[in-house]
Amino acid sequence: MAQRRHHYEQAFEEYLRARRIPYVAVDEARKALLPPGVPLTIPHGERNAALKSFDFVIYGDSSNLLLEVKGRRVGTPGRGGSPRLECWVTQDDVDSLHCWERLFGEGFHAAFLFVYWCEQQPPDALFQEVFEHRGRWYALRVVRLGDYAAAMRVRSPRWRTLDLAPATFTQISHPFAPPTPYPLPADARGARYVDEVAMDMGPKLPALDRLL
């Protein structure tokens, strides 16, 4: 397993291994994944900018995912309401993922994976895909790049950040993988998984609907 800087990516990679989901960590195999002679830049105003890498290639039964992991922290909900789920990305994130999707071609679809670190085990009504790793609770929501780009709005022109309206995020985001038909094991580091069948907040992800 790759040495990862952020605990969000570490937790998600353990989740993939526990679910036995085929994947490649891009930082381990970027040269092998990138076609020879492809320029590593994208247009950025009047100049070119470096093409940002993504994090994982996930292999499905009929198609595959190019995943960019975005770690976000969820605080304790306020009185009478649910915590806000941050879903911001940068314009460079969107442009780079579009470029990677074109480079990989047919059968590969880019998506943002939001990994939420929760201060306590979140309620089922908020998330359907929850797990614990090294004493921290995490929840997963995915948005396909095309869906995100069609609904995104400017968050900060100065920092070139984008996000989605809360209601839109609820509508177009969804769990990463379908429920597993068998109990998930605890790994050697004591990770525990909550994978209950619940009503989905959005459509299933085609790349993973028949993976398990």
N, C-alpha and C. Protein backbone atom coordinates (compact mmCIF):
# COMPACT_ATOMS: atom_id res chain seq x y z
N MET A 1 0.85 -1.19 0.00
CA MET A 1 0.00 0.00 0.00
C MET A 1 0.88 1.24 0.00
N ALA A 2 0.48 2.28 -0.68
CA ALA A 2 1.28 3.48 -0.80
C ALA A 2 1.36 4.22 0.53
N GLN A 3 2.45 4.97 0.73
CA GLN A 3 2.56 5.86 1.87
C GLN A 3 1.80 7.14 1.55
N ARG A 4 0.73 7.41 2.26
CA ARG A 4 -0.13 8.54 1.93
C ARG A 4 0.01 9.64 2.98
N ARG A 5 -0.05 10.88 2.51
CA ARG A 5 0.14 12.01 3.40
C ARG A 5 -1.07 12.24 4.29
N HIS A 6 -2.26 12.02 3.78
CA HIS A 6 -3.47 12.41 4.48
C HIS A 6 -4.21 11.17 5.01
N HIS A 7 -4.73 11.32 6.22
CA HIS A 7 -5.44 10.18 6.82
C HIS A 7 -6.70 9.84 6.04
N TYR A 8 -7.27 10.80 5.31
CA TYR A 8 -8.46 10.50 4.51
C TYR A 8 -8.14 9.45 3.44
N GLU A 9 -7.04 9.63 2.74
CA GLU A 9 -6.65 8.67 1.70
C GLU A 9 -6.25 7.35 2.32
N GLN A 10 -5.57 7.38 3.46
CA GLN A 10 -5.18 6.15 4.14
C GLN A 10 -6.41 5.34 4.53
N ALA A 11 -7.41 6.03 5.10
CA ALA A 11 -8.63 5.35 5.52
C ALA A 11 -9.36 4.76 4.32
N PHE A 12 -9.46 5.53 3.23
CA PHE A 12 -10.17 5.02 2.06
C PHE A 12 -9.44 3.83 1.45
N GLU A 13 -8.13 3.86 1.40
CA GLU A 13 -7.40 2.73 0.84
C GLU A 13 -7.61 1.47 1.67
N GLU A 14 -7.66 1.60 3.00
CA GLU A 14 -7.97 0.44 3.83
C GLU A 14 -9.38 -0.07 3.55
N TYR A 15 -10.30 0.85 3.29
CA TYR A 15 -11.67 0.47 2.97
C TYR A 15 -11.71 -0.33 1.67
N LEU A 16 -10.98 0.11 0.66
CA LEU A 16 -10.91 -0.64 -0.60
C LEU A 16 -10.37 -2.04 -0.38
N ARG A 17 -9.33 -2.15 0.42
CA ARG A 17 -8.72 -3.45 0.67
C ARG A 17 -9.67 -4.37 1.42
N ALA A 18 -10.38 -3.82 2.41
CA ALA A 18 -11.33 -4.63 3.18
C ALA A 18 -12.50 -5.07 2.32
N ARG A 19 -12.94 -4.21 1.38
CA ARG A 19 -14.05 -4.56 0.50
C ARG A 19 -13.60 -5.40 -0.70
N ARG A 20 -12.28 -5.62 -0.83
CA ARG A 20 -11.71 -6.38 -1.95
C ARG A 20 -12.09 -5.75 -3.29
N ILE A 21 -12.03 -4.43 -3.35
CA ILE A 21 -12.33 -3.69 -4.57
C ILE A 21 -11.03 -3.47 -5.33
N PRO A 22 -10.94 -3.91 -6.59
CA PRO A 22 -9.70 -3.74 -7.36
C PRO A 22 -9.39 -2.26 -7.60
N TYR A 23 -8.15 -1.87 -7.37
CA TYR A 23 -7.76 -0.47 -7.56
C TYR A 23 -6.27 -0.36 -7.82
N VAL A 24 -5.87 0.80 -8.33
CA VAL A 24 -4.46 1.16 -8.45
C VAL A 24 -4.30 2.55 -7.84
N ALA A 25 -3.35 2.69 -6.93
CA ALA A 25 -3.02 4.00 -6.38
C ALA A 25 -2.17 4.74 -7.41
N VAL A 26 -2.62 5.88 -7.86
CA VAL A 26 -1.99 6.54 -9.00
C VAL A 26 -0.56 6.97 -8.69
N ASP A 27 -0.26 7.37 -7.46
CA ASP A 27 1.09 7.81 -7.16
C ASP A 27 2.10 6.68 -7.22
N GLU A 28 1.62 5.43 -7.25
CA GLU A 28 2.52 4.29 -7.37
C GLU A 28 2.75 3.89 -8.82
N ALA A 29 1.87 4.30 -9.71
CA ALA A 29 1.93 3.77 -11.08
C ALA A 29 1.62 4.83 -12.13
N ARG A 30 1.95 6.08 -11.86
CA ARG A 30 1.58 7.15 -12.78
C ARG A 30 2.22 6.98 -14.15
N LYS A 31 3.49 6.60 -14.18
CA LYS A 31 4.17 6.45 -15.46
C LYS A 31 3.57 5.34 -16.30
N ALA A 32 3.15 4.26 -15.63
CA ALA A 32 2.55 3.15 -16.36
C ALA A 32 1.16 3.50 -16.86
N LEU A 33 0.44 4.36 -16.11
CA LEU A 33 -0.92 4.70 -16.47
C LEU A 33 -1.00 5.75 -17.56
N LEU A 34 -0.01 6.63 -17.64
CA LEU A 34 -0.06 7.73 -18.58
C LEU A 34 0.45 7.30 -19.95
N PRO A 35 -0.31 7.53 -21.01
CA PRO A 35 0.17 7.18 -22.36
C PRO A 35 1.46 7.92 -22.69
N PRO A 36 2.39 7.29 -23.42
CA PRO A 36 3.67 7.93 -23.76
C PRO A 36 3.47 9.21 -24.57
N GLY A 37 4.27 10.22 -24.27
CA GLY A 37 4.26 11.45 -25.05
C GLY A 37 3.13 12.40 -24.76
N VAL A 38 2.30 12.11 -23.75
CA VAL A 38 1.18 12.99 -23.45
C VAL A 38 1.68 14.17 -22.61
N PRO A 39 1.40 15.42 -23.00
CA PRO A 39 1.85 16.57 -22.21
C PRO A 39 1.14 16.65 -20.87
N LEU A 40 1.87 17.01 -19.83
CA LEU A 40 1.31 17.07 -18.49
C LEU A 40 0.90 18.49 -18.13
N THR A 41 0.25 19.20 -19.05
CA THR A 41 -0.23 20.55 -18.80
C THR A 41 -1.66 20.70 -19.30
N ILE A 42 -2.34 21.70 -18.74
CA ILE A 42 -3.69 22.06 -19.16
C ILE A 42 -3.74 23.57 -19.34
N PRO A 43 -4.63 24.10 -20.19
CA PRO A 43 -4.74 25.55 -20.35
C PRO A 43 -5.14 26.22 -19.04
N HIS A 44 -4.51 27.36 -18.74
CA HIS A 44 -4.80 28.11 -17.51
C HIS A 44 -4.70 29.60 -17.85
N GLY A 45 -5.80 30.18 -18.34
CA GLY A 45 -5.76 31.56 -18.79
C GLY A 45 -4.89 31.69 -20.03
N GLU A 46 -3.90 32.58 -19.96
CA GLU A 46 -3.01 32.79 -21.10
C GLU A 46 -1.78 31.89 -21.06
N ARG A 47 -1.70 31.02 -20.10
CA ARG A 47 -0.55 30.12 -19.99
C ARG A 47 -1.04 28.71 -19.70
N ASN A 48 -0.12 27.79 -19.64
CA ASN A 48 -0.45 26.42 -19.29
C ASN A 48 -0.08 26.15 -17.83
N ALA A 49 -0.85 25.29 -17.20
CA ALA A 49 -0.59 24.89 -15.82
C ALA A 49 -0.35 23.39 -15.78
N ALA A 50 0.34 22.95 -14.75
CA ALA A 50 0.62 21.53 -14.60
C ALA A 50 -0.68 20.75 -14.43
N LEU A 51 -0.76 19.62 -15.09
CA LEU A 51 -1.92 18.74 -14.95
C LEU A 51 -1.89 18.09 -13.58
N LYS A 52 -2.93 18.34 -12.78
CA LYS A 52 -2.98 17.77 -11.44
C LYS A 52 -3.27 16.28 -11.51
N SER A 53 -2.57 15.53 -10.72
CA SER A 53 -2.83 14.10 -10.66
C SER A 53 -4.10 13.83 -9.86
N PHE A 54 -4.68 12.65 -10.05
CA PHE A 54 -5.79 12.22 -9.22
C PHE A 54 -5.27 11.13 -8.28
N ASP A 55 -6.14 10.37 -7.62
CA ASP A 55 -5.67 9.50 -6.54
C ASP A 55 -5.78 8.01 -6.81
N PHE A 56 -6.88 7.55 -7.38
CA PHE A 56 -7.09 6.12 -7.55
C PHE A 56 -7.77 5.82 -8.88
N VAL A 57 -7.38 4.71 -9.49
CA VAL A 57 -8.18 4.08 -10.54
C VAL A 57 -8.90 2.91 -9.90
N ILE A 58 -10.23 2.91 -9.99
CA ILE A 58 -11.05 1.84 -9.43
C ILE A 58 -11.60 1.03 -10.59
N TYR A 59 -11.41 -0.29 -10.53
CA TYR A 59 -11.81 -1.16 -11.63
C TYR A 59 -13.15 -1.81 -11.33
N GLY A 60 -14.13 -1.57 -12.21
CA GLY A 60 -15.45 -2.14 -12.07
C GLY A 60 -15.69 -3.25 -13.07
N ASP A 61 -16.89 -3.77 -13.08
CA ASP A 61 -17.24 -4.89 -13.95
C ASP A 61 -17.38 -4.45 -15.40
N SER A 62 -18.01 -3.29 -15.61
CA SER A 62 -18.24 -2.83 -16.98
C SER A 62 -17.56 -1.51 -17.30
N SER A 63 -17.16 -0.76 -16.30
CA SER A 63 -16.44 0.50 -16.50
C SER A 63 -15.60 0.78 -15.26
N ASN A 64 -14.78 1.81 -15.34
CA ASN A 64 -13.81 2.09 -14.29
C ASN A 64 -13.87 3.55 -13.88
N LEU A 65 -13.39 3.83 -12.66
CA LEU A 65 -13.44 5.17 -12.12
C LEU A 65 -12.06 5.77 -11.97
N LEU A 66 -11.94 7.05 -12.28
CA LEU A 66 -10.76 7.85 -11.96
C LEU A 66 -11.17 8.75 -10.80
N LEU A 67 -10.68 8.46 -9.61
CA LEU A 67 -11.16 9.12 -8.40
C LEU A 67 -10.19 10.17 -7.89
N GLU A 68 -10.72 11.33 -7.62
CA GLU A 68 -10.01 12.39 -6.89
C GLU A 68 -10.59 12.44 -5.48
N VAL A 69 -9.77 12.18 -4.46
CA VAL A 69 -10.23 12.14 -3.08
C VAL A 69 -10.18 13.54 -2.48
N LYS A 70 -11.28 13.94 -1.86
CA LYS A 70 -11.35 15.22 -1.17
C LYS A 70 -11.76 14.97 0.28
N GLY A 71 -10.84 15.22 1.20
CA GLY A 71 -11.12 15.02 2.61
C GLY A 71 -11.75 16.26 3.22
N ARG A 72 -12.84 16.06 3.94
CA ARG A 72 -13.53 17.16 4.60
C ARG A 72 -13.94 16.72 6.01
N ARG A 73 -13.91 17.64 6.94
CA ARG A 73 -14.28 17.33 8.32
C ARG A 73 -15.72 17.76 8.58
N VAL A 74 -16.45 16.91 9.28
CA VAL A 74 -17.83 17.20 9.66
C VAL A 74 -17.86 17.45 11.16
N GLY A 75 -18.32 18.61 11.56
CA GLY A 75 -18.39 18.93 12.98
C GLY A 75 -19.67 18.40 13.61
N THR A 76 -19.82 18.68 14.89
CA THR A 76 -21.03 18.30 15.61
C THR A 76 -22.18 19.15 15.10
N PRO A 77 -23.33 18.54 14.77
CA PRO A 77 -24.45 19.33 14.24
C PRO A 77 -24.97 20.34 15.25
N GLY A 78 -25.43 21.46 14.73
CA GLY A 78 -26.01 22.47 15.60
C GLY A 78 -27.39 22.06 16.10
N ARG A 79 -27.92 22.86 16.98
CA ARG A 79 -29.22 22.55 17.58
C ARG A 79 -30.31 22.55 16.51
N GLY A 80 -30.97 21.41 16.38
CA GLY A 80 -32.10 21.31 15.46
C GLY A 80 -31.75 21.17 14.00
N GLY A 81 -30.50 20.82 13.67
CA GLY A 81 -30.14 20.69 12.27
C GLY A 81 -29.00 19.73 12.05
N SER A 82 -28.72 19.45 10.78
CA SER A 82 -27.62 18.56 10.41
C SER A 82 -26.40 19.40 10.05
N PRO A 83 -25.20 18.83 10.19
CA PRO A 83 -23.99 19.58 9.83
C PRO A 83 -23.92 19.80 8.33
N ARG A 84 -23.30 20.90 7.94
CA ARG A 84 -23.12 21.19 6.52
C ARG A 84 -22.03 20.28 5.96
N LEU A 85 -22.29 19.69 4.81
CA LEU A 85 -21.31 18.83 4.15
C LEU A 85 -20.59 19.65 3.08
N GLU A 86 -19.35 20.02 3.37
CA GLU A 86 -18.57 20.81 2.42
C GLU A 86 -18.23 19.95 1.20
N CYS A 87 -18.39 20.53 0.02
CA CYS A 87 -18.13 19.77 -1.22
C CYS A 87 -17.39 20.64 -2.23
N TRP A 88 -16.54 21.53 -1.74
CA TRP A 88 -15.84 22.43 -2.66
C TRP A 88 -14.63 21.75 -3.29
N VAL A 89 -14.33 22.18 -4.51
CA VAL A 89 -13.14 21.74 -5.25
C VAL A 89 -12.58 22.98 -5.94
N THR A 90 -11.48 22.83 -6.65
CA THR A 90 -10.92 23.96 -7.40
C THR A 90 -11.22 23.81 -8.89
N GLN A 91 -11.12 24.92 -9.60
CA GLN A 91 -11.29 24.86 -11.05
C GLN A 91 -10.24 23.97 -11.68
N ASP A 92 -9.01 23.99 -11.14
CA ASP A 92 -7.96 23.11 -11.66
C ASP A 92 -8.30 21.64 -11.45
N ASP A 93 -8.96 21.32 -10.32
CA ASP A 93 -9.41 19.94 -10.10
C ASP A 93 -10.34 19.49 -11.22
N VAL A 94 -11.31 20.34 -11.54
CA VAL A 94 -12.30 20.00 -12.58
C VAL A 94 -11.62 19.89 -13.94
N ASP A 95 -10.79 20.86 -14.28
CA ASP A 95 -10.13 20.85 -15.59
C ASP A 95 -9.21 19.64 -15.74
N SER A 96 -8.46 19.32 -14.69
CA SER A 96 -7.53 18.20 -14.76
C SER A 96 -8.27 16.87 -14.88
N LEU A 97 -9.36 16.70 -14.12
CA LEU A 97 -10.11 15.45 -14.22
C LEU A 97 -10.73 15.29 -15.60
N HIS A 98 -11.23 16.39 -16.18
CA HIS A 98 -11.73 16.31 -17.56
C HIS A 98 -10.63 15.83 -18.50
N CYS A 99 -9.43 16.34 -18.32
CA CYS A 99 -8.31 15.95 -19.17
C CYS A 99 -7.96 14.47 -18.98
N TRP A 100 -7.91 14.01 -17.73
CA TRP A 100 -7.60 12.60 -17.48
C TRP A 100 -8.67 11.69 -18.09
N GLU A 101 -9.92 12.10 -18.00
CA GLU A 101 -11.01 11.30 -18.56
C GLU A 101 -10.83 11.15 -20.07
N ARG A 102 -10.42 12.23 -20.73
CA ARG A 102 -10.17 12.15 -22.17
C ARG A 102 -8.96 11.28 -22.48
N LEU A 103 -7.90 11.39 -21.67
CA LEU A 103 -6.69 10.61 -21.91
C LEU A 103 -6.94 9.11 -21.76
N PHE A 104 -7.70 8.73 -20.75
CA PHE A 104 -7.94 7.30 -20.53
C PHE A 104 -8.95 6.75 -21.52
N GLY A 105 -9.87 7.57 -21.97
CA GLY A 105 -10.77 7.15 -23.03
C GLY A 105 -11.98 6.36 -22.57
N GLU A 106 -12.55 5.64 -23.51
CA GLU A 106 -13.80 4.91 -23.27
C GLU A 106 -13.64 3.91 -22.14
N GLY A 107 -14.67 3.83 -21.31
CA GLY A 107 -14.65 2.88 -20.20
C GLY A 107 -14.13 3.45 -18.90
N PHE A 108 -13.67 4.71 -18.90
CA PHE A 108 -13.17 5.35 -17.69
C PHE A 108 -13.97 6.62 -17.43
N HIS A 109 -14.43 6.77 -16.19
CA HIS A 109 -15.25 7.92 -15.81
C HIS A 109 -14.65 8.57 -14.57
N ALA A 110 -14.48 9.89 -14.61
CA ALA A 110 -13.90 10.62 -13.48
C ALA A 110 -14.98 10.98 -12.47
N ALA A 111 -14.56 11.06 -11.21
CA ALA A 111 -15.50 11.40 -10.14
C ALA A 111 -14.75 11.98 -8.96
N PHE A 112 -15.45 12.78 -8.18
CA PHE A 112 -14.93 13.26 -6.90
C PHE A 112 -15.46 12.37 -5.79
N LEU A 113 -14.56 11.90 -4.94
CA LEU A 113 -14.95 11.14 -3.75
C LEU A 113 -14.72 12.02 -2.54
N PHE A 114 -15.79 12.37 -1.85
CA PHE A 114 -15.68 13.17 -0.63
C PHE A 114 -15.65 12.22 0.57
N VAL A 115 -14.52 12.26 1.28
CA VAL A 115 -14.34 11.43 2.47
C VAL A 115 -14.54 12.35 3.67
N TYR A 116 -15.60 12.12 4.43
CA TYR A 116 -15.94 12.97 5.56
C TYR A 116 -15.46 12.35 6.86
N TRP A 117 -14.69 13.11 7.60
CA TRP A 117 -14.22 12.69 8.92
C TRP A 117 -15.21 13.24 9.95
N CYS A 118 -15.86 12.35 10.65
CA CYS A 118 -16.91 12.72 11.60
C CYS A 118 -16.37 12.62 13.03
N GLU A 119 -16.73 13.56 13.87
CA GLU A 119 -16.27 13.56 15.25
C GLU A 119 -16.87 12.42 16.05
N GLN A 120 -18.00 11.93 15.62
CA GLN A 120 -18.65 10.78 16.25
C GLN A 120 -19.38 10.00 15.16
N GLN A 121 -19.82 8.78 15.51
CA GLN A 121 -20.51 7.97 14.51
C GLN A 121 -21.73 8.73 14.00
N PRO A 122 -21.80 9.00 12.69
CA PRO A 122 -22.91 9.79 12.16
C PRO A 122 -24.20 8.98 12.09
N PRO A 123 -25.35 9.64 12.13
CA PRO A 123 -26.63 8.92 12.03
C PRO A 123 -26.84 8.35 10.64
N ASP A 124 -27.62 7.27 10.56
CA ASP A 124 -27.89 6.63 9.27
C ASP A 124 -28.58 7.58 8.30
N ALA A 125 -29.35 8.52 8.83
CA ALA A 125 -30.08 9.43 7.94
C ALA A 125 -29.15 10.36 7.18
N LEU A 126 -27.92 10.55 7.68
CA LEU A 126 -26.98 11.45 7.03
C LEU A 126 -26.13 10.73 5.99
N PHE A 127 -25.70 9.52 6.30
CA PHE A 127 -24.84 8.75 5.40
C PHE A 127 -25.30 7.29 5.36
N GLN A 128 -25.05 6.62 4.23
CA GLN A 128 -25.31 5.19 4.10
C GLN A 128 -24.03 4.37 4.10
N GLU A 129 -22.88 4.99 4.01
CA GLU A 129 -21.61 4.26 3.89
C GLU A 129 -20.64 4.85 4.91
N VAL A 130 -20.52 4.17 6.04
CA VAL A 130 -19.77 4.67 7.18
C VAL A 130 -18.80 3.60 7.65
N PHE A 131 -17.59 4.00 8.04
CA PHE A 131 -16.65 3.04 8.61
C PHE A 131 -15.73 3.75 9.59
N GLU A 132 -15.10 2.96 10.44
CA GLU A 132 -14.17 3.48 11.44
C GLU A 132 -12.77 2.99 11.11
N HIS A 133 -11.81 3.88 11.21
CA HIS A 133 -10.41 3.53 10.92
C HIS A 133 -9.51 4.25 11.92
N ARG A 134 -8.76 3.46 12.69
CA ARG A 134 -7.83 4.00 13.68
C ARG A 134 -8.49 5.00 14.62
N GLY A 135 -9.69 4.64 15.08
CA GLY A 135 -10.38 5.45 16.05
C GLY A 135 -11.13 6.65 15.50
N ARG A 136 -11.18 6.80 14.17
CA ARG A 136 -11.91 7.89 13.55
C ARG A 136 -13.02 7.34 12.68
N TRP A 137 -14.15 8.06 12.66
CA TRP A 137 -15.28 7.68 11.82
C TRP A 137 -15.22 8.44 10.49
N TYR A 138 -15.49 7.70 9.42
CA TYR A 138 -15.49 8.29 8.08
C TYR A 138 -16.78 7.91 7.35
N ALA A 139 -17.19 8.78 6.43
CA ALA A 139 -18.34 8.51 5.57
C ALA A 139 -17.97 8.93 4.15
N LEU A 140 -18.57 8.25 3.17
CA LEU A 140 -18.21 8.45 1.77
C LEU A 140 -19.40 8.92 0.95
N ARG A 141 -19.15 9.91 0.10
CA ARG A 141 -20.12 10.32 -0.91
C ARG A 141 -19.37 10.61 -2.20
N VAL A 142 -19.95 10.21 -3.33
CA VAL A 142 -19.32 10.36 -4.65
C VAL A 142 -20.20 11.22 -5.56
N VAL A 143 -19.54 12.05 -6.38
CA VAL A 143 -20.23 12.79 -7.43
C VAL A 143 -19.46 12.61 -8.72
N ARG A 144 -20.16 12.15 -9.75
CA ARG A 144 -19.52 12.02 -11.06
C ARG A 144 -19.12 13.41 -11.56
N LEU A 145 -17.99 13.47 -12.26
CA LEU A 145 -17.46 14.74 -12.74
C LEU A 145 -18.46 15.48 -13.61
N GLY A 146 -19.11 14.78 -14.53
CA GLY A 146 -20.08 15.44 -15.40
C GLY A 146 -21.24 16.05 -14.64
N ASP A 147 -21.71 15.34 -13.61
CA ASP A 147 -22.80 15.87 -12.79
C ASP A 147 -22.34 17.09 -12.00
N TYR A 148 -21.13 17.01 -11.46
CA TYR A 148 -20.61 18.14 -10.68
C TYR A 148 -20.45 19.37 -11.57
N ALA A 149 -19.83 19.18 -12.74
CA ALA A 149 -19.57 20.31 -13.63
C ALA A 149 -20.86 20.97 -14.11
N ALA A 150 -21.91 20.18 -14.28
CA ALA A 150 -23.17 20.73 -14.77
C ALA A 150 -23.88 21.58 -13.72
N ALA A 151 -23.58 21.35 -12.44
CA ALA A 151 -24.31 22.04 -11.37
C ALA A 151 -23.43 22.95 -10.52
N MET A 152 -22.13 22.99 -10.77
CA MET A 152 -21.22 23.72 -9.89
C MET A 152 -21.44 25.23 -9.99
N ARG A 153 -21.07 25.90 -8.92
CA ARG A 153 -21.16 27.36 -8.84
C ARG A 153 -19.85 27.90 -8.27
N VAL A 154 -19.56 29.16 -8.51
CA VAL A 154 -18.31 29.75 -8.03
C VAL A 154 -18.42 30.00 -6.53
N ARG A 155 -17.45 29.51 -5.80
CA ARG A 155 -17.37 29.75 -4.35
C ARG A 155 -16.48 30.96 -4.05
N SER A 156 -15.29 30.99 -4.67
CA SER A 156 -14.37 32.11 -4.49
C SER A 156 -13.64 32.38 -5.81
N PRO A 157 -13.94 33.51 -6.48
CA PRO A 157 -13.20 33.83 -7.71
C PRO A 157 -11.71 33.97 -7.47
N ARG A 158 -11.34 34.52 -6.34
CA ARG A 158 -9.92 34.75 -6.05
C ARG A 158 -9.15 33.44 -5.97
N TRP A 159 -9.72 32.46 -5.29
CA TRP A 159 -9.04 31.18 -5.09
C TRP A 159 -9.47 30.13 -6.12
N ARG A 160 -10.32 30.52 -7.05
CA ARG A 160 -10.77 29.61 -8.12
C ARG A 160 -11.38 28.33 -7.55
N THR A 161 -12.22 28.50 -6.53
CA THR A 161 -12.89 27.36 -5.93
C THR A 161 -14.35 27.32 -6.36
N LEU A 162 -14.89 26.12 -6.36
CA LEU A 162 -16.26 25.85 -6.78
C LEU A 162 -16.94 24.97 -5.75
N ASP A 163 -18.26 24.99 -5.72
CA ASP A 163 -18.99 24.05 -4.88
C ASP A 163 -20.38 23.83 -5.44
N LEU A 164 -21.19 23.10 -4.69
CA LEU A 164 -22.57 22.81 -5.07
C LEU A 164 -23.51 23.33 -4.00
N ALA A 165 -24.70 23.72 -4.39
CA ALA A 165 -25.72 24.05 -3.41
C ALA A 165 -26.01 22.81 -2.57
N PRO A 166 -26.28 22.96 -1.27
CA PRO A 166 -26.51 21.78 -0.42
C PRO A 166 -27.57 20.84 -0.96
N ALA A 167 -28.69 21.37 -1.45
CA ALA A 167 -29.75 20.51 -1.98
C ALA A 167 -29.29 19.77 -3.22
N THR A 168 -28.48 20.42 -4.05
CA THR A 168 -27.96 19.78 -5.25
C THR A 168 -27.00 18.65 -4.89
N PHE A 169 -26.12 18.90 -3.92
CA PHE A 169 -25.19 17.86 -3.49
C PHE A 169 -25.94 16.64 -2.97
N THR A 170 -26.97 16.86 -2.19
CA THR A 170 -27.78 15.75 -1.69
C THR A 170 -28.40 14.97 -2.83
N GLN A 171 -28.83 15.66 -3.87
CA GLN A 171 -29.51 15.01 -4.99
C GLN A 171 -28.57 14.21 -5.88
N ILE A 172 -27.37 14.73 -6.16
CA ILE A 172 -26.52 14.08 -7.18
C ILE A 172 -25.36 13.28 -6.58
N SER A 173 -25.16 13.34 -5.28
CA SER A 173 -24.12 12.51 -4.66
C SER A 173 -24.73 11.20 -4.19
N HIS A 174 -23.88 10.22 -3.96
CA HIS A 174 -24.36 8.89 -3.61
C HIS A 174 -23.24 8.09 -2.98
N PRO A 175 -23.54 6.94 -2.36
CA PRO A 175 -22.49 6.12 -1.78
C PRO A 175 -21.50 5.64 -2.84
N PHE A 176 -20.31 5.29 -2.40
CA PHE A 176 -19.27 4.84 -3.32
C PHE A 176 -19.55 3.46 -3.87
N ALA A 177 -19.91 2.51 -3.02
CA ALA A 177 -20.10 1.12 -3.44
C ALA A 177 -21.43 0.60 -2.94
N PRO A 178 -22.00 -0.40 -3.61
CA PRO A 178 -23.25 -1.00 -3.15
C PRO A 178 -23.02 -1.78 -1.87
N PRO A 179 -24.09 -2.04 -1.09
CA PRO A 179 -23.94 -2.81 0.14
C PRO A 179 -23.35 -4.18 -0.14
N THR A 180 -22.49 -4.64 0.75
CA THR A 180 -21.89 -5.95 0.59
C THR A 180 -22.83 -7.03 1.11
N PRO A 181 -22.91 -8.19 0.47
CA PRO A 181 -23.82 -9.24 0.91
C PRO A 181 -23.29 -10.05 2.07
N TYR A 182 -22.08 -9.77 2.55
CA TYR A 182 -21.49 -10.54 3.64
C TYR A 182 -20.87 -9.59 4.65
N PRO A 183 -20.70 -10.03 5.91
CA PRO A 183 -20.12 -9.14 6.92
C PRO A 183 -18.71 -8.72 6.54
N LEU A 184 -18.40 -7.46 6.75
CA LEU A 184 -17.06 -6.96 6.46
C LEU A 184 -16.13 -7.29 7.61
N PRO A 185 -14.91 -7.78 7.31
CA PRO A 185 -13.97 -8.12 8.38
C PRO A 185 -13.33 -6.89 8.98
N ALA A 186 -12.86 -7.03 10.23
CA ALA A 186 -12.02 -6.00 10.83
C ALA A 186 -10.60 -6.24 10.37
N ASP A 187 -9.91 -5.19 10.00
CA ASP A 187 -8.54 -5.39 9.56
C ASP A 187 -7.60 -5.46 10.75
N ALA A 188 -6.32 -5.65 10.47
CA ALA A 188 -5.36 -5.86 11.54
C ALA A 188 -5.22 -4.64 12.43
N ARG A 189 -5.61 -3.47 11.94
CA ARG A 189 -5.49 -2.26 12.73
C ARG A 189 -6.79 -1.93 13.45
N GLY A 190 -7.76 -2.79 13.37
CA GLY A 190 -8.98 -2.60 14.13
C GLY A 190 -10.04 -1.75 13.47
N ALA A 191 -10.01 -1.62 12.16
CA ALA A 191 -11.04 -0.84 11.48
C ALA A 191 -12.38 -1.57 11.56
N ARG A 192 -13.44 -0.82 11.77
CA ARG A 192 -14.78 -1.39 11.81
C ARG A 192 -15.64 -0.68 10.78
N TYR A 193 -16.57 -1.45 10.19
CA TYR A 193 -17.35 -0.92 9.08
C TYR A 193 -18.84 -1.03 9.38
N VAL A 194 -19.56 0.01 9.06
CA VAL A 194 -21.01 0.01 9.15
C VAL A 194 -21.52 0.06 7.73
N ASP A 195 -22.15 -1.01 7.26
CA ASP A 195 -22.56 -1.10 5.86
C ASP A 195 -23.97 -1.63 5.79
N GLU A 196 -24.93 -0.85 6.27
CA GLU A 196 -26.30 -1.30 6.34
C GLU A 196 -27.04 -0.91 5.06
N VAL A 197 -27.99 -1.75 4.66
CA VAL A 197 -28.82 -1.43 3.50
C VAL A 197 -29.78 -0.32 3.89
N ALA A 198 -29.75 0.78 3.16
CA ALA A 198 -30.61 1.92 3.44
C ALA A 198 -31.02 2.55 2.13
N MET A 199 -32.03 3.40 2.17
CA MET A 199 -32.47 4.08 0.97
C MET A 199 -31.38 5.03 0.50
N ASP A 200 -31.00 4.94 -0.74
CA ASP A 200 -29.94 5.76 -1.29
C ASP A 200 -30.44 7.18 -1.51
N MET A 201 -29.51 8.15 -1.37
CA MET A 201 -29.84 9.55 -1.61
C MET A 201 -29.77 9.91 -3.07
N GLY A 202 -29.20 9.03 -3.90
CA GLY A 202 -29.04 9.34 -5.31
C GLY A 202 -28.88 8.08 -6.12
N PRO A 203 -28.56 8.21 -7.40
CA PRO A 203 -28.43 7.04 -8.27
C PRO A 203 -27.20 6.22 -7.94
N LYS A 204 -27.22 4.95 -8.27
CA LYS A 204 -26.04 4.11 -8.09
C LYS A 204 -24.95 4.52 -9.07
N LEU A 205 -23.73 4.20 -8.73
CA LEU A 205 -22.60 4.50 -9.59
C LEU A 205 -22.39 3.33 -10.55
N PRO A 206 -22.54 3.54 -11.86
CA PRO A 206 -22.47 2.42 -12.81
C PRO A 206 -21.20 1.60 -12.71
N ALA A 207 -20.07 2.24 -12.42
CA ALA A 207 -18.81 1.50 -12.39
C ALA A 207 -18.75 0.48 -11.28
N LEU A 208 -19.59 0.63 -10.25
CA LEU A 208 -19.49 -0.25 -9.10
C LEU A 208 -20.76 -1.03 -8.81
N ASP A 209 -21.79 -0.89 -9.63
CA ASP A 209 -23.06 -1.50 -9.26
C ASP A 209 -23.01 -3.02 -9.29
N ARG A 210 -22.05 -3.62 -10.00
CA ARG A 210 -21.95 -5.08 -10.04
C ARG A 210 -20.53 -5.52 -9.69
N LEU A 211 -19.81 -4.69 -8.97
CA LEU A 211 -18.40 -4.99 -8.73
C LEU A 211 -18.23 -6.14 -7.74
N LEU A 212 -19.06 -6.17 -6.68
CA LEU A 212 -18.88 -7.18 -5.65
C LEU A 212 -19.65 -8.46 -5.97
